[in-house]
PDB file of N, CA and C in Angstrom:
ATOM      1  N   MET A   1       0.766  -1.384  -0.102  1.00  0.00           N
ATOM      2  CA  MET A   1      -0.032  -0.321  -0.151  1.00  0.00           C
ATOM      3  C   MET A   1       1.434   1.551   0.065  1.00  0.00           C
ATOM      4  N   CYS A   2       0.683   1.807  -0.886  1.00  0.00           N
ATOM      5  CA  CYS A   2       1.404   3.378  -1.482  1.00  0.00           C
ATOM      6  C   CYS A   2       0.755   4.428  -0.069  1.00  0.00           C
ATOM      7  N   ALA A   3       1.568   5.201   0.060  1.00  0.00           N
ATOM      8  CA  ALA A   3       1.636   6.240   1.008  1.00  0.00           C
ATOM      9  C   ALA A   3       0.286   7.100   0.839  1.00  0.00           C
ATOM     10  N   PHE A   4      -0.325   7.288  -0.633  1.00  0.00           N
ATOM     11  CA  PHE A   4      -1.270   7.763  -0.812  1.00  0.00           C
ATOM     12  C   PHE A   4      -2.587   7.176  -0.768  1.00  0.00           C
ATOM     13  N   GLU A   5      -2.448   5.768  -0.697  1.00  0.00           N
ATOM     14  CA  GLU A   5      -3.372   5.005  -0.454  1.00  0.00           C
ATOM     15  C   GLU A   5      -4.303   4.885   1.139  1.00  0.00           C
ATOM     16  N   ARG A   6      -2.773   5.222   1.674  1.00  0.00           N
ATOM     17  CA  ARG A   6      -3.193   5.127   3.480  1.00  0.00           C
ATOM     18  C   ARG A   6      -3.378   6.566   4.040  1.00  0.00           C
ATOM     19  N   SER A   7      -3.124   7.495   3.418  1.00  0.00           N
ATOM     20  CA  SER A   7      -3.673   8.801   3.651  1.00  0.00           C
ATOM     21  C   SER A   7      -5.183   8.805   2.852  1.00  0.00           C
ATOM     22  N   GLU A   8      -5.156   8.407   1.858  1.00  0.00           N
ATOM     23  CA  GLU A   8      -7.058   8.301   1.156  1.00  0.00           C
ATOM     24  C   GLU A   8      -7.818   7.144   2.804  1.00  0.00           C
ATOM     25  N   LYS A   9      -6.961   6.450   3.369  1.00  0.00           N
ATOM     26  CA  LYS A   9      -7.731   5.604   3.910  1.00  0.00           C
ATOM     27  C   LYS A   9      -8.011   6.368   5.201  1.00  0.00           C
ATOM     28  N   GLY A  10      -7.164   7.227   5.798  1.00  0.00           N
ATOM     29  CA  GLY A  10      -6.780   7.549   7.157  1.00  0.00           C
ATOM     30  C   GLY A  10      -8.514   8.874   6.626  1.00  0.00           C
ATOM     31  N   MET A  11      -8.433   9.596   5.819  1.00  0.00           N
ATOM     32  CA  MET A  11      -9.318  10.794   5.498  1.00  0.00           C
ATOM     33  C   MET A  11     -10.598   9.740   5.414  1.00  0.00           C
ATOM     34  N   GLU A  12     -10.974   8.999   4.464  1.00  0.00           N
ATOM     35  CA  GLU A  12     -11.956   7.912   4.496  1.00  0.00           C
ATOM     36  C   GLU A  12     -12.583   8.061   5.659  1.00  0.00           C
ATOM     37  N   PHE A  13     -11.463   7.321   6.710  1.00  0.00           N
ATOM     38  CA  PHE A  13     -12.057   7.104   8.439  1.00  0.00           C
ATOM     39  C   PHE A  13     -12.476   8.683   9.048  1.00  0.00           C
ATOM     40  N   ILE A  14     -11.722   9.617   9.060  1.00  0.00           N
ATOM     41  CA  ILE A  14     -12.069  10.687   9.573  1.00  0.00           C
ATOM     42  C   ILE A  14     -13.016  11.709   9.155  1.00  0.00           C
ATOM     43  N   MET A  15     -13.911  11.287   7.636  1.00  0.00           N
ATOM     44  CA  MET A  15     -14.795  11.639   7.515  1.00  0.00           C
ATOM     45  C   MET A  15     -16.054  10.819   7.823  1.00  0.00           C
ATOM     46  N   ASN A  16     -15.732   9.678   7.866  1.00  0.00           N
ATOM     47  CA  ASN A  16     -16.918   8.593   8.548  1.00  0.00           C
ATOM     48  C   ASN A  16     -16.612   8.886   9.903  1.00  0.00           C
ATOM     49  N   LYS A  17     -16.102   9.464  10.826  1.00  0.00           N
ATOM     50  CA  LYS A  17     -16.281   9.555  12.631  1.00  0.00           C
ATOM     51  C   LYS A  17     -16.782  11.123  12.103  1.00  0.00           C
ATOM     52  N   LEU A  18     -16.231  11.829  11.520  1.00  0.00           N
ATOM     53  CA  LEU A  18     -17.317  13.288  11.303  1.00  0.00           C
ATOM     54  C   LEU A  18     -18.355  13.530  11.540  1.00  0.00           C
ATOM     55  N   ASP A  19     -19.014  12.130  10.231  1.00  0.00           N
ATOM     56  CA  ASP A  19     -20.513  12.107   9.623  1.00  0.00           C
ATOM     57  C   ASP A  19     -21.023  11.327  11.062  1.00  0.00           C
ATOM     58  N   ASP A  20     -20.446  10.626  11.586  1.00  0.00           N
ATOM     59  CA  ASP A  20     -21.237   9.857  13.090  1.00  0.00           C
ATOM     60  C   ASP A  20     -21.105  11.000  14.329  1.00  0.00           C
ATOM     61  N   ASN A  21     -20.457  11.436  14.071  1.00  0.00           N
ATOM     62  CA  ASN A  21     -20.526  12.738  15.615  1.00  0.00           C
ATOM     63  C   ASN A  21     -21.687  13.638  15.034  1.00  0.00           C
ATOM     64  N   TYR A  22     -21.724  14.228  13.590  1.00  0.00           N
ATOM     65  CA  TYR A  22     -22.391  15.213  13.791  1.00  0.00           C
ATOM     66  C   TYR A  22     -23.870  14.537  13.658  1.00  0.00           C
ATOM     67  N   LYS A  23     -24.197  13.317  13.331  1.00  0.00           N
ATOM     68  CA  LYS A  23     -25.662  12.931  13.683  1.00  0.00           C
ATOM     69  C   LYS A  23     -25.797  12.872  15.184  1.00  0.00           C
ATOM     70  N   THR A  24     -24.797  12.519  16.067  1.00  0.00           N
ATOM     71  CA  THR A  24     -25.366  12.652  17.411  1.00  0.00           C
ATOM     72  C   THR A  24     -24.634  13.774  18.284  1.00  0.00           C
ATOM     73  N   MET A  25     -24.082  14.417  17.875  1.00  0.00           N
ATOM     74  CA  MET A  25     -23.214  15.711  18.853  1.00  0.00           C
ATOM     75  C   MET A  25     -24.548  16.925  18.537  1.00  0.00           C
ATOM     76  N   PHE A  26     -24.731  17.445  19.624  1.00  0.00           N
ATOM     77  CA  PHE A  26     -25.549  19.025  18.989  1.00  0.00           C
ATOM     78  C   PHE A  26     -26.774  18.771  18.474  1.00  0.00           C
ATOM     79  N   LYS A  27     -27.439  17.833  18.656  1.00  0.00           N
ATOM     80  CA  LYS A  27     -28.571  17.681  17.934  1.00  0.00           C
ATOM     81  C   LYS A  27     -30.130  19.019  18.121  1.00  0.00           C
ATOM     82  N   ASP A  28     -29.698  19.479  19.021  1.00  0.00           N
ATOM     83  CA  ASP A  28     -30.810  20.610  19.263  1.00  0.00           C
ATOM     84  C   ASP A  28     -29.885  21.744  18.507  1.00  0.00           C
ATOM     85  N   TYR A  29     -29.181  21.518  17.812  1.00  0.00           N
ATOM     86  CA  TYR A  29     -28.698  22.969  17.164  1.00  0.00           C
ATOM     87  C   TYR A  29     -29.050  23.117  15.725  1.00  0.00           C
ATOM     88  N   PRO A  30     -29.156  24.167  14.764  1.00  0.00           N
ATOM     89  CA  PRO A  30     -29.400  24.313  13.808  1.00  0.00           C
ATOM     90  C   PRO A  30     -28.209  24.183  12.981  1.00  0.00           C
ATOM     91  N   ASP A  31     -28.081  23.830  11.655  1.00  0.00           N
ATOM     92  CA  ASP A  31     -26.515  22.974  10.884  1.00  0.00           C
ATOM     93  C   ASP A  31     -25.783  24.653  10.942  1.00  0.00           C
ATOM     94  N   VAL A  32     -25.761  25.834  10.975  1.00  0.00           N
ATOM     95  CA  VAL A  32     -25.120  27.124  10.889  1.00  0.00           C
ATOM     96  C   VAL A  32     -25.988  27.659  12.039  1.00  0.00           C
ATOM     97  N   VAL A  33     -24.562  27.852  13.114  1.00  0.00           N
ATOM     98  CA  VAL A  33     -24.915  28.795  14.308  1.00  0.00           C
ATOM     99  C   VAL A  33     -24.605  29.926  14.311  1.00  0.00           C
ATOM    100  N   ASP A  34     -24.652  30.855  15.291  1.00  0.00           N
ATOM    101  CA  ASP A  34     -24.166  31.984  15.753  1.00  0.00           C
ATOM    102  C   ASP A  34     -22.988  32.175  16.882  1.00  0.00           C
ATOM    103  N   ILE A  35     -22.779  33.506  16.938  1.00  0.00           N
ATOM    104  CA  ILE A  35     -21.319  33.250  17.981  1.00  0.00           C
ATOM    105  C   ILE A  35     -22.286  32.468  19.626  1.00  0.00           C
ATOM    106  N   LYS A  36     -23.366  33.348  19.902  1.00  0.00           N
ATOM    107  CA  LYS A  36     -24.193  33.197  21.233  1.00  0.00           C
ATOM    108  C   LYS A  36     -24.427  31.322  21.342  1.00  0.00           C
ATOM    109  N   GLN A  37     -24.991  30.995  20.100  1.00  0.00           N
ATOM    110  CA  GLN A  37     -24.751  29.272  20.372  1.00  0.00           C
ATOM    111  C   GLN A  37     -23.533  28.971  20.463  1.00  0.00           C
ATOM    112  N   LEU A  38     -22.588  29.028  19.536  1.00  0.00           N
ATOM    113  CA  LEU A  38     -21.033  28.518  19.851  1.00  0.00           C
ATOM    114  C   LEU A  38     -20.567  28.548  20.961  1.00  0.00           C
ATOM    115  N   ARG A  39     -21.054  29.848  21.968  1.00  0.00           N
ATOM    116  CA  ARG A  39     -20.650  29.948  23.474  1.00  0.00           C
ATOM    117  C   ARG A  39     -21.496  28.757  24.243  1.00  0.00           C
ATOM    118  N   GLU A  40     -22.677  28.863  23.639  1.00  0.00           N
ATOM    119  CA  GLU A  40     -23.581  27.622  24.623  1.00  0.00           C
ATOM    120  C   GLU A  40     -23.233  26.448  24.222  1.00  0.00           C
ATOM    121  N   MET A  41     -22.936  26.299  23.373  1.00  0.00           N
ATOM    122  CA  MET A  41     -22.313  24.529  22.715  1.00  0.00           C
ATOM    123  C   MET A  41     -21.100  24.371  23.346  1.00  0.00           C
ATOM    124  N   LEU A  42     -20.276  25.063  23.771  1.00  0.00           N
ATOM    125  CA  LEU A  42     -18.931  25.314  24.133  1.00  0.00           C
ATOM    126  C   LEU A  42     -18.738  25.494  25.346  1.00  0.00           C
ATOM    127  N   ASN A  43     -19.509  26.025  26.041  1.00  0.00           N
ATOM    128  CA  ASN A  43     -19.945  26.719  27.478  1.00  0.00           C
ATOM    129  C   ASN A  43     -18.374  27.318  27.867  1.00  0.00           C
ATOM    130  N   ILE A  44     -18.250  28.538  27.066  1.00  0.00           N
ATOM    131  CA  ILE A  44     -17.290  28.994  27.158  1.00  0.00           C
ATOM    132  C   ILE A  44     -17.822  30.752  26.793  1.00  0.00           C
ATOM    133  N   GLY A  45     -16.679  31.384  27.659  1.00  0.00           N
ATOM    134  CA  GLY A  45     -17.070  33.104  27.523  1.00  0.00           C
ATOM    135  C   GLY A  45     -16.855  33.612  26.244  1.00  0.00           C
ATOM    136  N   ILE A  46     -17.363  34.979  26.303  1.00  0.00           N
ATOM    137  CA  ILE A  46     -17.345  35.706  24.618  1.00  0.00           C
ATOM    138  C   ILE A  46     -15.827  36.006  24.247  1.00  0.00           C
ATOM    139  N   THR A  47     -14.978  35.981  25.173  1.00  0.00           N
ATOM    140  CA  THR A  47     -13.630  36.319  24.929  1.00  0.00           C
ATOM    141  C   THR A  47     -13.332  34.905  23.982  1.00  0.00           C
ATOM    142  N   LYS A  48     -12.972  34.209  24.841  1.00  0.00           N
ATOM    143  CA  LYS A  48     -12.552  32.769  24.053  1.00  0.00           C
ATOM    144  C   LYS A  48     -13.145  32.519  22.462  1.00  0.00           C
ATOM    145  N   THR A  49     -14.789  32.809  22.551  1.00  0.00           N
ATOM    146  CA  THR A  49     -15.771  32.481  21.386  1.00  0.00           C
ATOM    147  C   THR A  49     -15.132  33.492  20.329  1.00  0.00           C
ATOM    148  N   TYR A  50     -14.500  34.200  20.522  1.00  0.00           N
ATOM    149  CA  TYR A  50     -14.096  35.209  19.516  1.00  0.00           C
ATOM    150  C   TYR A  50     -12.898  35.013  19.128  1.00  0.00           C
ATOM    151  N   LYS A  51     -12.100  34.677  20.197  1.00  0.00           N
ATOM    152  CA  LYS A  51     -10.688  34.074  19.593  1.00  0.00           C
ATOM    153  C   LYS A  51     -10.659  33.179  18.951  1.00  0.00           C
ATOM    154  N   LEU A  52     -11.570  31.701  18.969  1.00  0.00           N
ATOM    155  CA  LEU A  52     -11.647  30.321  18.617  1.00  0.00           C
ATOM    156  C   LEU A  52     -11.693  31.412  16.485  1.00  0.00           C
ATOM    157  N   VAL A  53     -13.164  31.941  16.886  1.00  0.00           N
ATOM    158  CA  VAL A  53     -13.391  32.472  15.743  1.00  0.00           C
ATOM    159  C   VAL A  53     -12.347  33.323  14.630  1.00  0.00           C
ATOM    160  N   ASN A  54     -11.716  34.705  15.284  1.00  0.00           N
ATOM    161  CA  ASN A  54     -11.182  35.179  14.712  1.00  0.00           C
ATOM    162  C   ASN A  54      -9.816  35.182  14.378  1.00  0.00           C
ATOM    163  N   ASN A  55      -9.174  33.767  15.136  1.00  0.00           N
ATOM    164  CA  ASN A  55      -8.024  33.395  14.824  1.00  0.00           C
ATOM    165  C   ASN A  55      -8.160  32.080  13.967  1.00  0.00           C
ATOM    166  N   ASN A  56      -9.608  31.825  13.161  1.00  0.00           N
ATOM    167  CA  ASN A  56      -9.501  30.737  12.260  1.00  0.00           C
ATOM    168  C   ASN A  56      -9.619  29.535  13.264  1.00  0.00           C
ATOM    169  N   ILE A  57      -9.462  29.129  14.304  1.00  0.00           N
ATOM    170  CA  ILE A  57      -9.673  27.818  14.717  1.00  0.00           C
ATOM    171  C   ILE A  57     -11.046  27.218  14.960  1.00  0.00           C
ATOM    172  N   ILE A  58     -11.838  27.505  14.783  1.00  0.00           N
ATOM    173  CA  ILE A  58     -13.087  27.242  14.202  1.00  0.00           C
ATOM    174  C   ILE A  58     -13.251  28.124  13.083  1.00  0.00           C
ATOM    175  N   HIS A  59     -13.518  27.383  11.601  1.00  0.00           N
ATOM    176  CA  HIS A  59     -14.193  28.368  10.323  1.00  0.00           C
ATOM    177  C   HIS A  59     -15.350  28.773  10.622  1.00  0.00           C
ATOM    178  N   SER A  60     -15.217  29.915  10.104  1.00  0.00           N
ATOM    179  CA  SER A  60     -16.824  30.496  10.207  1.00  0.00           C
ATOM    180  C   SER A  60     -16.486  31.746   8.678  1.00  0.00           C
ATOM    181  N   ARG A  61     -17.669  32.265   8.578  1.00  0.00           N
ATOM    182  CA  ARG A  61     -17.975  33.230   7.799  1.00  0.00           C
ATOM    183  C   ARG A  61     -18.519  34.333   8.780  1.00  0.00           C
ATOM    184  N   LYS A  62     -18.313  35.570   8.075  1.00  0.00           N
ATOM    185  CA  LYS A  62     -18.977  36.554   8.676  1.00  0.00           C
ATOM    186  C   LYS A  62     -19.903  37.293   7.505  1.00  0.00           C
ATOM    187  N   VAL A  63     -21.312  37.120   7.772  1.00  0.00           N
ATOM    188  CA  VAL A  63     -22.244  37.712   6.755  1.00  0.00           C
ATOM    189  C   VAL A  63     -22.640  39.292   7.915  1.00  0.00           C
ATOM    190  N   GLY A  64     -22.209  40.244   6.800  1.00  0.00           N
ATOM    191  CA  GLY A  64     -22.931  41.165   7.645  1.00  0.00           C
ATOM    192  C   GLY A  64     -22.118  41.379   8.809  1.00  0.00           C
ATOM    193  N   ARG A  65     -22.928  42.097   9.713  1.00  0.00           N
ATOM    194  CA  ARG A  65     -22.132  42.093  11.033  1.00  0.00           C
ATOM    195  C   ARG A  65     -22.160  40.667  11.792  1.00  0.00           C
ATOM    196  N   GLU A  66     -22.551  39.877  11.365  1.00  0.00           N
ATOM    197  CA  GLU A  66     -22.609  38.399  12.185  1.00  0.00           C
ATOM    198  C   GLU A  66     -21.587  37.683  11.714  1.00  0.00           C
ATOM    199  N   TYR A  67     -21.389  36.799  12.516  1.00  0.00           N
ATOM    200  CA  TYR A  67     -20.184  35.386  12.586  1.00  0.00           C
ATOM    201  C   TYR A  67     -21.728  33.833  12.345  1.00  0.00           C
ATOM    202  N   LYS A  68     -20.836  33.595  10.942  1.00  0.00           N
ATOM    203  CA  LYS A  68     -22.405  32.361  10.830  1.00  0.00           C
ATOM    204  C   LYS A  68     -21.163  31.227  10.546  1.00  0.00           C
ATOM    205  N   ILE A  69     -21.207  30.190  11.959  1.00  0.00           N
ATOM    206  CA  ILE A  69     -20.304  29.081  12.410  1.00  0.00           C
ATOM    207  C   ILE A  69     -21.150  27.449  11.730  1.00  0.00           C
ATOM    208  N   PRO A  70     -20.506  26.633  10.785  1.00  0.00           N
ATOM    209  CA  PRO A  70     -20.950  25.709  10.508  1.00  0.00           C
ATOM    210  C   PRO A  70     -21.003  24.258  11.450  1.00  0.00           C
ATOM    211  N   LYS A  71     -21.931  24.208  12.261  1.00  0.00           N
ATOM    212  CA  LYS A  71     -21.620  23.105  13.095  1.00  0.00           C
ATOM    213  C   LYS A  71     -20.698  21.859  12.933  1.00  0.00           C
ATOM    214  N   LEU A  72     -20.906  21.923  11.747  1.00  0.00           N
ATOM    215  CA  LEU A  72     -19.387  20.508  11.240  1.00  0.00           C
ATOM    216  C   LEU A  72     -18.258  20.975  11.568  1.00  0.00           C
ATOM    217  N   MET A  73     -18.093  22.718  11.223  1.00  0.00           N
ATOM    218  CA  MET A  73     -16.687  22.824  12.272  1.00  0.00           C
ATOM    219  C   MET A  73     -16.221  22.986  13.666  1.00  0.00           C
ATOM    220  N   ILE A  74     -17.181  22.731  14.188  1.00  0.00           N
ATOM    221  CA  ILE A  74     -17.312  22.909  16.147  1.00  0.00           C
ATOM    222  C   ILE A  74     -17.013  21.437  15.827  1.00  0.00           C
ATOM    223  N   ILE A  75     -17.993  20.783  15.379  1.00  0.00           N
ATOM    224  CA  ILE A  75     -17.648  18.688  15.895  1.00  0.00           C
ATOM    225  C   ILE A  75     -16.136  19.060  15.377  1.00  0.00           C
ATOM    226  N   GLU A  76     -15.680  19.011  14.681  1.00  0.00           N
ATOM    227  CA  GLU A  76     -14.298  19.033  13.718  1.00  0.00           C
ATOM    228  C   GLU A  76     -13.174  18.931  14.753  1.00  0.00           C
ATOM    229  N   TYR A  77     -13.483  20.658  15.367  1.00  0.00           N
ATOM    230  CA  TYR A  77     -12.590  21.227  16.167  1.00  0.00           C
ATOM    231  C   TYR A  77     -12.833  20.392  17.421  1.00  0.00           C
ATOM    232  N   LEU A  78     -13.661  20.022  17.841  1.00  0.00           N
ATOM    233  CA  LEU A  78     -13.648  19.158  19.120  1.00  0.00           C
ATOM    234  C   LEU A  78     -13.225  17.551  18.926  1.00  0.00           C
ATOM    235  N   THR A  79     -13.123  17.478  17.887  1.00  0.00           N
ATOM    236  CA  THR A  79     -12.575  15.594  17.644  1.00  0.00           C
ATOM    237  C   THR A  79     -11.702  15.669  17.135  1.00  0.00           C
ATOM    238  N   THR A  80     -10.870  16.910  16.732  1.00  0.00           N
ATOM    239  CA  THR A  80      -9.343  16.815  16.033  1.00  0.00           C
ATOM    240  C   THR A  80      -8.135  17.783  17.215  1.00  0.00           C
ATOM    241  N   ASN A  81      -9.210  18.228  18.086  1.00  0.00           N
ATOM    242  CA  ASN A  81      -7.895  18.867  18.782  1.00  0.00           C
ATOM    243  C   ASN A  81      -7.832  18.477  20.060  1.00  0.00           C
ATOM    244  N   ASN A  82      -6.624  18.408  21.232  1.00  0.00           N
ATOM    245  CA  ASN A  82      -6.760  18.222  22.336  1.00  0.00           C
ATOM    246  C   ASN A  82      -7.209  18.984  23.465  1.00  0.00           C
TER     247      ASN A  82
END
């Protein structure tokens, strides 16, 4: 098995794991959340919330004056970071 095949298998495993987590984590939240909901989901303060978003640790988009954060990015952050 070449390095590409190993990395492809690894990515497939990660995507399957994210999909499983997506179906079970934060079921009561919409697919795209705002800053307030992100704070609730992670049980953190406003400063830490903005730090995660502004430093692109949790990927988001700014639409007008609001941040839109895909729930998948939050789950990815929780499952891939220690």
